[in-house]
Protein backbone atom coordinates (compact mmCIF):
# COMPACT_ATOMS: atom_id res chain seq x y z
CA MET A 1 99.92 7.75 -9.28
CA ASN A 2 96.22 8.36 -9.78
CA GLY A 3 94.18 6.59 -7.16
CA ARG A 4 96.91 4.27 -5.95
CA PRO A 5 96.55 3.36 -2.27
CA SER A 6 100.07 4.64 -1.55
CA ALA A 7 99.28 8.04 -3.05
CA THR A 8 95.94 8.19 -1.27
CA ALA A 9 97.46 7.25 2.09
CA ARG A 10 100.36 9.68 1.69
CA ALA A 11 98.08 12.56 0.68
CA THR A 12 95.74 11.88 3.59
CA LEU A 13 98.51 11.55 6.17
CA GLN A 14 100.21 14.69 4.91
CA ALA A 15 96.88 16.55 5.01
CA VAL A 16 96.34 15.47 8.62
CA ALA A 17 99.88 16.51 9.57
CA VAL A 18 99.69 19.98 8.02
CA SER A 19 96.19 20.53 9.42
CA VAL A 20 97.39 19.61 12.91
CA LEU A 21 100.27 22.06 12.60
CA GLY A 22 97.87 24.75 11.42
CA VAL A 23 95.87 24.71 14.67
CA LEU A 24 98.49 23.30 17.06
CA PRO A 25 99.84 26.68 18.28
CA ALA A 26 96.38 27.69 19.54
CA PHE A 27 95.51 24.39 21.20
CA LEU A 28 99.02 23.90 22.61
CA VAL A 29 98.91 27.35 24.20
CA GLY A 30 95.46 26.52 25.56
CA ALA A 31 96.68 23.28 27.09
CA LEU A 32 99.68 25.06 28.64
CA ALA A 33 97.54 27.95 29.89
CA VAL A 34 98.27 27.42 33.58
CA GLN A 35 102.04 27.35 33.14
CA ILE A 36 102.17 30.18 30.56
CA ARG A 37 99.93 32.53 32.56
CA ALA A 38 101.96 31.94 35.72
CA ASP A 39 105.27 32.52 33.92
CA LEU A 40 104.27 35.58 31.90
CA GLY A 41 101.80 37.06 34.38
CA VAL A 42 98.96 37.14 31.85
CA GLY A 43 95.39 37.67 33.08
CA LEU A 44 92.55 35.37 32.05
CA ALA A 45 90.80 37.89 29.77
CA LEU A 46 93.99 38.88 27.96
CA PHE A 47 95.02 35.25 27.62
CA GLY A 48 91.65 34.40 26.06
CA PHE A 49 92.08 37.23 23.58
CA ALA A 50 95.59 36.01 22.74
CA ALA A 51 94.33 32.47 22.15
CA ALA A 52 91.67 33.79 19.74
CA THR A 53 94.32 35.68 17.73
CA LEU A 54 95.29 32.67 15.62
CA PHE A 55 91.78 31.99 14.38
CA GLY A 56 91.05 35.68 13.86
CA VAL A 57 94.10 36.17 11.64
CA SER A 58 93.39 32.88 9.89
CA GLY A 59 89.86 34.00 9.06
CA VAL A 60 90.98 37.34 7.66
CA CYS A 61 93.76 35.76 5.56
CA ALA A 62 91.96 32.58 4.49
CA ARG A 63 90.83 33.77 1.05
CA PRO A 64 94.19 35.20 -0.11
CA GLY A 65 95.87 32.17 1.46
CA GLY A 66 93.68 29.85 -0.58
CA ARG A 67 94.41 31.70 -3.82
CA LEU A 68 98.14 31.61 -3.06
CA VAL A 69 98.09 27.85 -2.46
CA GLN A 70 96.09 27.34 -5.67
CA ARG A 71 99.01 28.91 -7.57
CA LEU A 72 101.82 27.26 -5.59
CA GLY A 73 100.43 23.72 -5.46
CA PHE A 74 99.90 21.60 -2.37
CA ARG A 75 103.55 20.55 -1.86
CA LYS A 76 104.89 24.12 -1.79
CA GLY A 77 101.82 25.19 0.18
CA THR A 78 102.50 22.50 2.77
CA ALA A 79 106.12 23.60 3.04
CA LEU A 80 105.07 27.24 3.51
CA ALA A 81 102.56 26.24 6.21
CA ALA A 82 105.24 24.24 8.02
CA VAL A 83 107.71 27.16 7.88
CA LEU A 84 105.10 29.55 9.31
CA SER A 85 104.28 27.01 12.01
CA VAL A 86 107.96 26.74 12.96
CA VAL A 87 108.23 30.54 13.20
CA SER A 88 104.98 30.76 15.17
CA LEU A 89 105.89 28.10 17.71
CA THR A 90 109.41 29.48 18.07
CA ALA A 91 108.01 32.94 18.84
CA VAL A 92 105.61 31.42 21.38
CA GLY A 93 108.39 29.41 23.00
CA LEU A 94 110.61 32.49 23.34
CA ALA A 95 107.83 34.88 24.40
CA GLN A 96 108.52 36.98 27.49
CA SER A 97 105.23 38.92 27.47
CA ALA A 98 101.63 38.70 26.31
CA VAL A 99 102.47 40.91 23.31
CA TRP A 100 105.03 38.45 21.93
CA LEU A 101 102.69 35.57 22.68
CA MET A 102 100.06 37.25 20.50
CA VAL A 103 102.63 37.93 17.78
CA GLY A 104 103.53 34.25 17.71
CA LEU A 105 99.89 33.21 17.50
CA ALA A 106 99.22 35.79 14.77
CA ILE A 107 101.97 34.17 12.69
CA GLY A 108 100.28 30.87 13.46
CA GLY A 109 97.10 32.33 12.00
CA LEU A 110 98.95 32.98 8.74
CA GLY A 111 100.17 29.38 8.82
CA ASN A 112 96.65 28.04 9.35
CA ALA A 113 95.33 30.20 6.50
CA VAL A 114 97.77 28.35 4.23
CA ALA A 115 97.63 24.93 5.92
CA GLN A 116 93.93 24.21 5.43
CA PRO A 117 93.82 25.00 1.68
CA SER A 118 97.06 23.05 1.17
CA ALA A 119 95.65 19.98 2.89
CA ASN A 120 92.41 20.14 0.92
CA LEU A 121 94.20 20.66 -2.39
CA GLY A 122 96.42 17.63 -1.76
CA ILE A 123 93.41 15.45 -0.98
CA SER A 124 91.52 16.73 -4.02
CA GLU A 125 94.42 15.96 -6.34
CA LEU A 126 95.46 12.55 -5.03
CA VAL A 127 92.35 10.91 -3.55
CA THR A 128 89.77 9.27 -5.77
CA GLU A 129 86.06 10.13 -5.69
CA ALA A 130 85.13 6.92 -3.88
CA ARG A 131 87.36 7.76 -0.88
CA LEU A 132 87.03 11.53 -0.80
CA GLY A 133 84.60 11.71 2.13
CA LEU A 134 86.71 9.36 4.25
CA ALA A 135 89.85 11.35 3.44
CA PHE A 136 88.26 14.62 4.54
CA GLY A 137 86.91 12.97 7.67
CA ILE A 138 90.40 11.80 8.58
CA LYS A 139 91.86 15.19 7.69
CA GLN A 140 89.37 17.05 9.89
CA SER A 141 90.27 14.78 12.80
CA SER A 142 93.24 17.15 13.08
CA VAL A 143 91.37 19.36 15.57
CA PRO A 144 90.74 16.65 18.20
CA ALA A 145 94.20 15.26 17.40
CA ALA A 146 95.76 18.66 18.13
CA THR A 147 93.72 18.84 21.33
CA LEU A 148 95.04 15.45 22.41
CA LEU A 149 98.63 16.41 21.56
CA GLY A 150 98.28 19.57 23.60
CA GLY A 151 96.83 17.63 26.51
CA LEU A 152 99.57 14.99 26.41
CA ALA A 153 102.25 17.69 26.34
CA VAL A 154 101.27 18.88 29.80
CA PRO A 155 102.06 15.79 31.92
CA GLY A 156 104.61 14.40 29.48
CA ILE A 157 106.84 17.45 29.05
CA ALA A 158 105.56 20.70 30.58
CA LEU A 159 105.25 19.48 34.17
CA VAL A 160 108.64 17.76 34.01
CA PHE A 161 110.83 20.12 31.98
CA GLY A 162 108.73 23.29 31.62
CA TRP A 163 106.22 24.63 29.10
CA ARG A 164 108.89 26.04 26.77
CA TRP A 165 110.29 22.56 26.18
CA ALA A 166 106.80 21.36 25.23
CA VAL A 167 106.69 24.09 22.60
CA ALA A 168 110.19 23.10 21.45
CA ALA A 169 108.93 19.56 20.85
CA ALA A 170 106.17 21.01 18.66
CA VAL A 171 108.79 22.97 16.70
CA ALA A 172 110.65 19.71 16.03
CA LEU A 173 107.38 18.19 14.77
CA ALA A 174 106.88 21.11 12.37
CA ILE A 175 110.45 20.81 11.05
CA ALA A 176 109.92 17.09 10.47
CA LEU A 177 106.83 17.83 8.36
CA LEU A 178 108.76 20.47 6.41
CA VAL A 179 111.42 17.93 5.50
CA TRP A 180 108.83 15.27 4.68
CA SER A 181 106.90 17.62 2.38
CA GLN A 182 110.05 18.19 0.33
CA VAL A 183 111.07 14.56 -0.14
CA THR A 184 107.71 13.02 -1.06
CA GLY A 185 107.78 14.08 -4.69
CA ARG A 186 106.24 16.78 -6.82
CA ASP A 187 102.57 17.76 -7.07
CA ALA A 188 100.61 15.11 -8.87
CA HIS A 189 98.79 17.30 -11.36
CA GLY A 190 100.28 20.72 -11.07
CA GLY A 191 97.42 21.82 -8.88
CA SER A 192 94.83 21.64 -11.65
CA ARG A 193 93.19 18.23 -11.99
CA PRO A 194 91.54 15.78 -9.57
CA ALA A 195 92.93 12.30 -9.07
CA ASP A 196 90.32 10.36 -11.03
CA GLY A 197 89.86 12.92 -13.79
CA GLY A 198 86.10 12.77 -13.29
CA ALA A 199 83.30 14.91 -14.64
CA PRO A 200 83.81 18.67 -14.87
CA ASP A 201 83.24 20.64 -11.69
CA LYS A 202 79.66 21.71 -11.11
CA GLY A 203 80.85 24.70 -9.15
CA LEU A 204 78.88 26.66 -6.58
CA PRO A 205 77.02 29.93 -7.21
CA ARG A 206 78.58 32.91 -5.53
CA GLY A 207 75.49 33.63 -3.44
CA GLY A 208 75.19 30.02 -2.32
CA LEU A 209 78.87 29.92 -1.36
CA VAL A 210 78.46 33.08 0.73
CA VAL A 211 75.43 31.63 2.55
CA LEU A 212 77.24 28.33 3.18
CA THR A 213 80.21 30.29 4.55
CA LEU A 214 77.84 32.11 6.91
CA GLY A 215 76.47 28.75 8.02
CA GLY A 216 80.01 27.57 8.69
CA PHE A 217 80.65 30.68 10.76
CA LEU A 218 77.55 30.11 12.92
CA GLY A 219 78.26 26.40 13.36
CA SER A 220 81.89 27.00 14.26
CA ALA A 221 80.95 29.76 16.71
CA ALA A 222 78.56 27.33 18.41
CA ALA A 223 80.92 24.34 18.52
CA THR A 224 84.37 25.75 19.30
CA PRO A 225 83.54 26.85 22.89
CA THR A 226 82.99 23.17 23.69
CA GLY A 227 86.72 22.56 23.48
CA VAL A 228 87.47 25.56 25.71
CA PHE A 229 84.78 25.55 28.40
CA LEU A 230 83.55 21.96 28.66
CA VAL A 231 85.75 20.93 31.58
CA ASP A 232 85.11 24.05 33.65
CA SER A 233 81.39 23.87 32.91
CA ALA A 234 81.23 20.21 33.91
CA VAL A 235 83.03 20.93 37.20
CA ALA A 236 80.61 23.79 37.88
CA SER A 237 77.76 21.28 37.39
CA GLY A 238 79.12 19.01 40.11
CA VAL A 239 81.33 16.67 38.09
CA ALA A 240 84.62 15.86 39.84
CA PRO A 241 87.65 17.50 38.18
CA GLY A 242 89.28 14.15 37.42
CA THR A 243 86.07 12.81 35.92
CA ALA A 244 85.65 15.99 33.89
CA GLY A 245 89.14 15.50 32.46
CA LEU A 246 88.33 11.92 31.51
CA LEU A 247 85.06 13.10 29.95
CA PHE A 248 86.99 15.64 27.89
CA ALA A 249 89.41 12.97 26.68
CA ALA A 250 86.57 10.59 25.83
CA CYS A 251 84.76 13.33 23.91
CA SER A 252 87.92 14.12 21.95
CA VAL A 253 88.21 10.48 20.89
CA LEU A 254 84.50 10.42 20.05
CA GLY A 255 84.86 13.57 17.97
CA LEU A 256 87.80 12.10 16.09
CA GLY A 257 85.95 8.85 15.40
CA SER A 258 82.75 10.64 14.39
CA ARG A 259 84.48 12.79 11.79
CA VAL A 260 86.11 9.75 10.21
CA GLY A 261 82.93 7.66 10.44
CA PHE A 262 80.67 10.30 8.92
CA GLY A 263 83.12 10.77 6.04
CA TRP A 264 83.08 7.02 5.40
CA LEU A 265 79.28 7.05 5.54
CA ALA A 266 79.11 9.88 2.99
CA ASP A 267 81.22 7.81 0.59
CA ARG A 268 78.91 4.83 1.08
CA HIS A 269 75.85 6.92 0.14
CA PRO A 270 76.96 9.30 -2.62
CA ASP A 271 73.35 9.97 -3.68
CA ARG A 272 72.47 11.55 -0.32
CA SER A 273 72.70 15.27 0.26
CA ARG A 274 75.83 16.21 2.15
CA TYR A 275 74.38 19.58 3.13
CA LEU A 276 71.30 18.01 4.68
CA PHE A 277 73.60 15.64 6.58
CA ILE A 278 75.50 18.65 7.93
CA ALA A 279 72.28 20.43 8.90
CA ASN A 280 71.06 17.34 10.77
CA LEU A 281 74.33 17.09 12.69
CA LEU A 282 74.10 20.75 13.67
CA THR A 283 70.56 20.13 14.91
CA GLY A 284 71.80 17.19 16.97
CA GLY A 285 74.51 19.43 18.38
CA ALA A 286 71.86 21.93 19.48
CA VAL A 287 70.24 19.12 21.48
CA GLY A 288 73.59 18.51 23.17
CA TYR A 289 74.03 22.18 24.07
CA GLY A 290 70.51 22.14 25.52
CA LEU A 291 71.43 19.18 27.73
CA LEU A 292 74.62 20.96 28.85
CA ALA A 293 72.49 23.99 29.77
CA THR A 294 70.55 21.97 32.38
CA GLY A 295 73.57 21.93 34.69
CA GLU A 296 72.67 18.44 35.92
CA ALA A 297 75.67 16.09 35.94
CA PRO A 298 74.04 13.16 34.05
CA MET A 299 72.63 15.55 31.43
CA VAL A 300 76.01 17.27 31.14
CA VAL A 301 77.66 13.95 30.32
CA ALA A 302 75.01 13.11 27.70
CA GLY A 303 75.13 16.64 26.30
CA SER A 304 78.93 16.49 25.99
CA LEU A 305 78.68 13.36 23.89
CA PHE A 306 76.05 14.94 21.62
CA ALA A 307 78.05 18.14 21.33
CA TYR A 308 81.25 16.40 20.30
CA GLY A 309 79.75 13.44 18.42
CA MET A 310 77.40 15.58 16.31
CA GLY A 311 77.68 19.32 16.95
CA TRP A 312 81.42 19.43 16.26
CA ALA A 313 81.69 16.50 13.84
CA TRP A 314 80.39 18.15 10.65
CA THR A 315 83.45 20.11 9.54
CA GLY A 316 84.92 17.27 7.49
CA LEU A 317 81.64 16.90 5.62
CA PHE A 318 81.57 20.66 5.09
CA HIS A 319 84.98 20.71 3.40
CA PHE A 320 84.05 17.56 1.49
CA ALA A 321 80.82 19.08 0.20
CA VAL A 322 82.31 22.30 -1.16
CA VAL A 323 85.47 20.69 -2.55
CA LYS A 324 83.58 17.88 -4.28
CA ASP A 325 81.97 20.37 -6.65
CA ASN A 326 85.17 22.45 -7.02
CA ARG A 327 87.99 19.92 -7.17
CA ALA A 328 90.00 21.88 -9.75
CA ALA A 329 89.95 24.92 -7.45
CA ALA A 330 89.95 23.14 -4.08
CA ALA A 331 92.37 25.55 -2.40
CA SER A 332 90.51 28.67 -3.53
CA VAL A 333 87.08 27.46 -2.45
CA THR A 334 88.53 26.22 0.84
CA GLY A 335 89.99 29.65 1.47
CA PHE A 336 86.55 31.15 0.91
CA VAL A 337 84.65 28.96 3.38
CA GLN A 338 87.57 28.83 5.82
CA THR A 339 86.96 32.53 6.41
CA GLY A 340 83.69 31.70 8.11
CA LEU A 341 85.01 28.67 9.98
CA SER A 342 88.05 30.49 11.38
CA LEU A 343 86.20 33.67 12.33
CA GLY A 344 83.58 31.54 14.05
CA ALA A 345 86.31 29.69 15.94
CA ALA A 346 87.77 33.05 17.02
CA THR A 347 84.59 34.86 18.06
CA GLY A 348 82.63 31.89 19.43
CA PRO A 349 84.69 31.30 22.60
CA LEU A 350 85.00 35.04 23.26
CA PHE A 351 81.23 35.57 23.01
CA PHE A 352 80.54 32.41 25.00
CA GLY A 353 82.87 33.54 27.77
CA ILE A 354 81.23 36.95 27.97
CA VAL A 355 77.76 35.41 28.25
CA ALA A 356 78.90 32.84 30.82
CA GLN A 357 80.62 35.47 32.97
CA THR A 358 77.77 37.99 32.71
CA PHE A 359 74.90 35.56 33.17
CA SER A 360 75.66 31.83 33.60
CA TYR A 361 76.82 28.70 31.85
CA THR A 362 73.17 27.85 31.28
CA ALA A 363 72.68 31.02 29.25
CA ALA A 364 75.92 30.44 27.36
CA TRP A 365 75.06 26.87 26.37
CA LEU A 366 71.55 27.91 25.33
CA THR A 367 73.13 30.61 23.16
CA ALA A 368 75.35 27.96 21.56
CA GLY A 369 72.24 25.88 20.88
CA VAL A 370 70.53 28.81 19.15
CA LEU A 371 73.64 29.43 17.02
CA SER A 372 73.78 25.77 16.04
CA LEU A 373 70.11 25.77 14.98
CA ALA A 374 70.68 28.99 13.03
CA ALA A 375 73.63 27.31 11.30
CA ALA A 376 71.45 24.32 10.35
CA VAL A 377 68.81 26.61 8.82
CA THR A 378 71.48 28.62 6.98
CA ILE A 379 73.11 25.50 5.51
CA ARG A 380 69.70 24.36 4.26
CA ALA A 381 69.14 27.78 2.71
CA GLY A 382 72.52 27.59 0.99
CA ARG A 383 71.64 24.16 -0.40
CA ARG A 384 68.40 25.53 -1.84
CA MET A 385 70.33 28.31 -3.57
CA VAL A 386 72.79 25.81 -5.07
CA ARG A 387 70.02 23.56 -6.35
CA ARG A 388 68.04 26.49 -7.74
CA SER A 389 71.11 27.68 -9.65
CA ARG A 390 71.33 24.26 -11.30
CA GLY A 391 67.67 24.12 -12.23
CA LEU A 392 66.97 21.35 -9.71
CA PRO A 393 63.85 21.08 -7.52
CA VAL A 394 64.29 22.59 -4.07
CA ALA A 395 61.28 21.02 -2.36
CA GLY A 396 62.02 18.28 0.15
CA LEU A 397 59.61 15.78 -1.42
CA ARG A 398 60.74 13.40 -4.14
CA ARG A 399 59.04 13.95 -7.47
CA ARG A 400 57.04 11.05 -8.84
CA ALA A 401 58.28 9.68 -12.11
CA PRO A 402 55.83 10.20 -14.99
CA ALA A 403 53.79 7.23 -16.10
CA ALA A 404 55.35 5.26 -18.92
CA ASP A 405 53.96 5.88 -22.38
CA PRO A 406 51.97 2.74 -23.31
CA ARG A 407 52.79 3.22 -26.97
CA PRO A 408 55.84 1.32 -28.18
CA ALA A 409 58.84 3.37 -29.10
CA GLY A 410 58.62 4.82 -32.56
CA THR A 411 54.81 4.79 -33.01
CA ASP A 412 54.82 8.58 -33.34
CA GLY A 413 58.24 8.78 -34.90
CA THR A 414 60.13 9.28 -31.59
CA ALA A 415 61.41 7.02 -28.86
CA THR A 416 59.63 6.99 -25.51
CA ARG A 417 61.21 9.65 -23.28
CA THR A 418 62.32 8.94 -19.77
CA THR A 419 62.90 11.49 -17.05
CA PRO A 420 66.40 11.28 -15.51
CA PRO A 421 66.45 10.91 -11.74
CA ARG A 422 66.85 14.20 -9.95
CA GLU A 423 70.15 14.94 -8.31
CA ARG A 424 70.07 14.24 -4.54
CA ALA A 425 73.69 14.56 -3.58
CA THR A 426 73.66 18.35 -3.32
């Protein structure tokens, strides 16, 4: 089963499916906001708080969720995530008040806290080293995929049959994944060994992991508001509502393609630092937020593409980077960093909305740009800590190789020594 294309494809597809279900309740509720608010009589501020509930609970529960999945294995973890998603979506679909809506999304947060580690553990166990980056890129395309599913549910189901039937369709999707996860066989390695049985894990120092998690929090807080406020911000800048909707759809496709493409690129260049790649993407995202802050329609379009194509396209590389050095404990390390990513996804839109309402969209987008730059600096700092813990040089310049000893090997009783190339992939 190790490394076979069928195992790789199945693990990747299952990871995408469970990751989509993990975030689907939040994005589906967001897409159905108009219908849900009108039906339940929920105000805008309270609805925004309810939508953030899933990511808040997910962030708080990510670490214990990761440890639980590490013990259960990815198949049982996937089944548990699917069950929680079914319960969450059912509660949302039956909700008669904002309180029950928040309860349903809180259960969805528990599901997401289990779903992400399960997906990463499955990829780590069944995907070979040469395809790991691509697999994580495809897996992280779950966020734009969930956004697209939520958007398609509005005209396809909600406007025809009602928003509760759209949620019912999502419940059916979760049940289908639950059945699939139980008929695709047992865990490949009992949750303990990567697919290609490669070199032992290098691991990450505790301090470096904490700093990287902080970087993930800042980057997520900067990027997530893009999926919530882009359309309204574009319309406020003079873009026609229909055009803004098309721009949002195009950016979702771009974000999906970028995550997959960057993962493929990381596999093609395994000697390049993944953390520097992430930092560069976050810097590019800051440029996009700056263009969005201008409020000029052409700049808004260009900034949207930068924001989605770079500023929100690094998450697959982030999971790839931390799991690559911790493949035997992929679920546990994912639970650790997912704390930052989920809390950033919860607090980012809330903070952005407060700034936009109090001041302006210009101030809010500039704030997102500052957060993205801070995330880039923090990721670089985390990389330096990791390299220092391994006794590797932390300076950005490549060391020159020492001049070769002109004496033939053995003239002084020893062979000529060579200096191994320094590690660049970290």
